[in-house]
Amino acid sequence: MLFALLLTATLPAPQEAQAPTPKAEKICKGRVNTGSRLRSKPVCKTQAEWDAEAAANADSTRNMGQTQSR
């Protein structure tokens, strides 16, 4: 029994099998060019990139009404 205990103590711990992270899927949305109703250009980004852009736009909109004080 002591031998089994020593044997398990010296063996490396089993590593959990980690699935390889899948490539981030691109999501394409059509963007209308300013000044043109006919032409739109597809823009492809990952969900994380779309979320970051939305957060930046929300911050810009929120800060638009604020003025700098001296």
C-alpha atoms as a PDB file:
ATOM      1  CA  MET A   1       0.000   0.000   0.000  1.00  0.00           C
ATOM      2  CA  LEU A   2       2.860   2.348   0.754  1.00  0.00           C
ATOM      3  CA  PHE A   3       4.305   1.579  -2.683  1.00  0.00           C
ATOM      4  CA  ALA A   4       1.013   2.549  -4.364  1.00  0.00           C
ATOM      5  CA  LEU A   5       0.897   5.798  -2.420  1.00  0.00           C
ATOM      6  CA  LEU A   6       4.459   6.677  -3.423  1.00  0.00           C
ATOM      7  CA  LEU A   7       3.774   5.733  -7.027  1.00  0.00           C
ATOM      8  CA  THR A   8       0.747   8.034  -7.284  1.00  0.00           C
ATOM      9  CA  ALA A   9       2.664  10.864  -5.633  1.00  0.00           C
ATOM     10  CA  THR A  10       5.414  10.708  -8.262  1.00  0.00           C
ATOM     11  CA  LEU A  11       3.163  10.413 -11.294  1.00  0.00           C
ATOM     12  CA  PRO A  12       2.270  13.683 -12.999  1.00  0.00           C
ATOM     13  CA  ALA A  13      -1.287  14.855 -12.455  1.00  0.00           C
ATOM     14  CA  PRO A  14      -3.562  14.027 -15.370  1.00  0.00           C
ATOM     15  CA  GLN A  15      -4.248  17.067 -17.494  1.00  0.00           C
ATOM     16  CA  GLU A  16      -7.774  17.861 -18.429  1.00  0.00           C
ATOM     17  CA  ALA A  17      -8.391  17.522 -22.117  1.00  0.00           C
ATOM     18  CA  GLN A  18      -8.948  20.990 -23.458  1.00  0.00           C
ATOM     19  CA  ALA A  19     -10.771  21.360 -26.704  1.00  0.00           C
ATOM     20  CA  PRO A  20      -8.953  23.629 -29.097  1.00  0.00           C
ATOM     21  CA  THR A  21     -10.564  27.025 -29.193  1.00  0.00           C
ATOM     22  CA  PRO A  22     -12.484  27.384 -32.417  1.00  0.00           C
ATOM     23  CA  LYS A  23     -11.594  30.241 -34.685  1.00  0.00           C
ATOM     24  CA  ALA A  24     -13.733  33.242 -33.882  1.00  0.00           C
ATOM     25  CA  GLU A  25     -16.607  33.301 -36.315  1.00  0.00           C
ATOM     26  CA  LYS A  26     -16.909  36.443 -38.412  1.00  0.00           C
ATOM     27  CA  ILE A  27     -20.252  38.226 -38.592  1.00  0.00           C
ATOM     28  CA  CYS A  28     -20.836  40.393 -41.657  1.00  0.00           C
ATOM     29  CA  LYS A  29     -23.139  43.387 -41.659  1.00  0.00           C
ATOM     30  CA  GLY A  30     -23.883  45.785 -44.485  1.00  0.00           C
ATOM     31  CA  ARG A  31     -22.733  49.357 -43.921  1.00  0.00           C
ATOM     32  CA  VAL A  32     -24.313  52.116 -45.977  1.00  0.00           C
ATOM     33  CA  ASN A  33     -21.881  54.700 -47.281  1.00  0.00           C
ATOM     34  CA  THR A  34     -22.760  58.214 -46.182  1.00  0.00           C
ATOM     35  CA  GLY A  35     -24.216  60.179 -49.080  1.00  0.00           C
ATOM     36  CA  SER A  36     -25.277  57.125 -51.058  1.00  0.00           C
ATOM     37  CA  ARG A  37     -28.487  55.144 -50.746  1.00  0.00           C
ATOM     38  CA  LEU A  38     -27.490  52.584 -53.326  1.00  0.00           C
ATOM     39  CA  ARG A  39     -24.111  51.308 -52.242  1.00  0.00           C
ATOM     40  CA  SER A  40     -23.497  49.339 -49.112  1.00  0.00           C
ATOM     41  CA  LYS A  41     -20.255  47.682 -48.142  1.00  0.00           C
ATOM     42  CA  PRO A  42     -20.121  44.502 -46.051  1.00  0.00           C
ATOM     43  CA  VAL A  43     -18.051  44.769 -42.886  1.00  0.00           C
ATOM     44  CA  CYS A  44     -16.994  41.518 -41.211  1.00  0.00           C
ATOM     45  CA  LYS A  45     -15.887  41.363 -37.576  1.00  0.00           C
ATOM     46  CA  THR A  46     -16.018  38.920 -34.687  1.00  0.00           C
ATOM     47  CA  GLN A  47     -18.734  39.238 -32.050  1.00  0.00           C
ATOM     48  CA  ALA A  48     -16.172  40.638 -29.610  1.00  0.00           C
ATOM     49  CA  GLU A  49     -15.199  43.333 -32.133  1.00  0.00           C
ATOM     50  CA  TRP A  50     -18.861  44.256 -32.738  1.00  0.00           C
ATOM     51  CA  ASP A  51     -19.424  44.460 -28.964  1.00  0.00           C
ATOM     52  CA  ALA A  52     -16.355  46.682 -28.501  1.00  0.00           C
ATOM     53  CA  GLU A  53     -17.541  49.001 -31.268  1.00  0.00           C
ATOM     54  CA  ALA A  54     -21.017  49.220 -29.755  1.00  0.00           C
ATOM     55  CA  ALA A  55     -19.535  50.046 -26.335  1.00  0.00           C
ATOM     56  CA  ALA A  56     -17.316  52.749 -27.847  1.00  0.00           C
ATOM     57  CA  ASN A  57     -20.285  54.247 -29.691  1.00  0.00           C
ATOM     58  CA  ALA A  58     -22.358  54.228 -26.501  1.00  0.00           C
ATOM     59  CA  ASP A  59     -19.550  56.010 -24.625  1.00  0.00           C
ATOM     60  CA  SER A  60     -19.258  58.618 -27.367  1.00  0.00           C
ATOM     61  CA  THR A  61     -23.002  59.231 -27.348  1.00  0.00           C
ATOM     62  CA  ARG A  62     -23.086  59.459 -23.566  1.00  0.00           C
ATOM     63  CA  ASN A  63     -20.188  61.946 -23.539  1.00  0.00           C
ATOM     64  CA  MET A  64     -21.587  64.089 -26.365  1.00  0.00           C
ATOM     65  CA  GLY A  65     -23.748  66.239 -24.085  1.00  0.00           C
ATOM     66  CA  GLN A  66     -21.050  66.869 -21.525  1.00  0.00           C
ATOM     67  CA  THR A  67     -18.884  69.967 -21.725  1.00  0.00           C
ATOM     68  CA  GLN A  68     -15.433  70.364 -20.354  1.00  0.00           C
ATOM     69  CA  SER A  69     -15.207  72.544 -17.272  1.00  0.00           C
ATOM     70  CA  ARG A  70     -12.128  74.502 -16.345  1.00  0.00           C
END
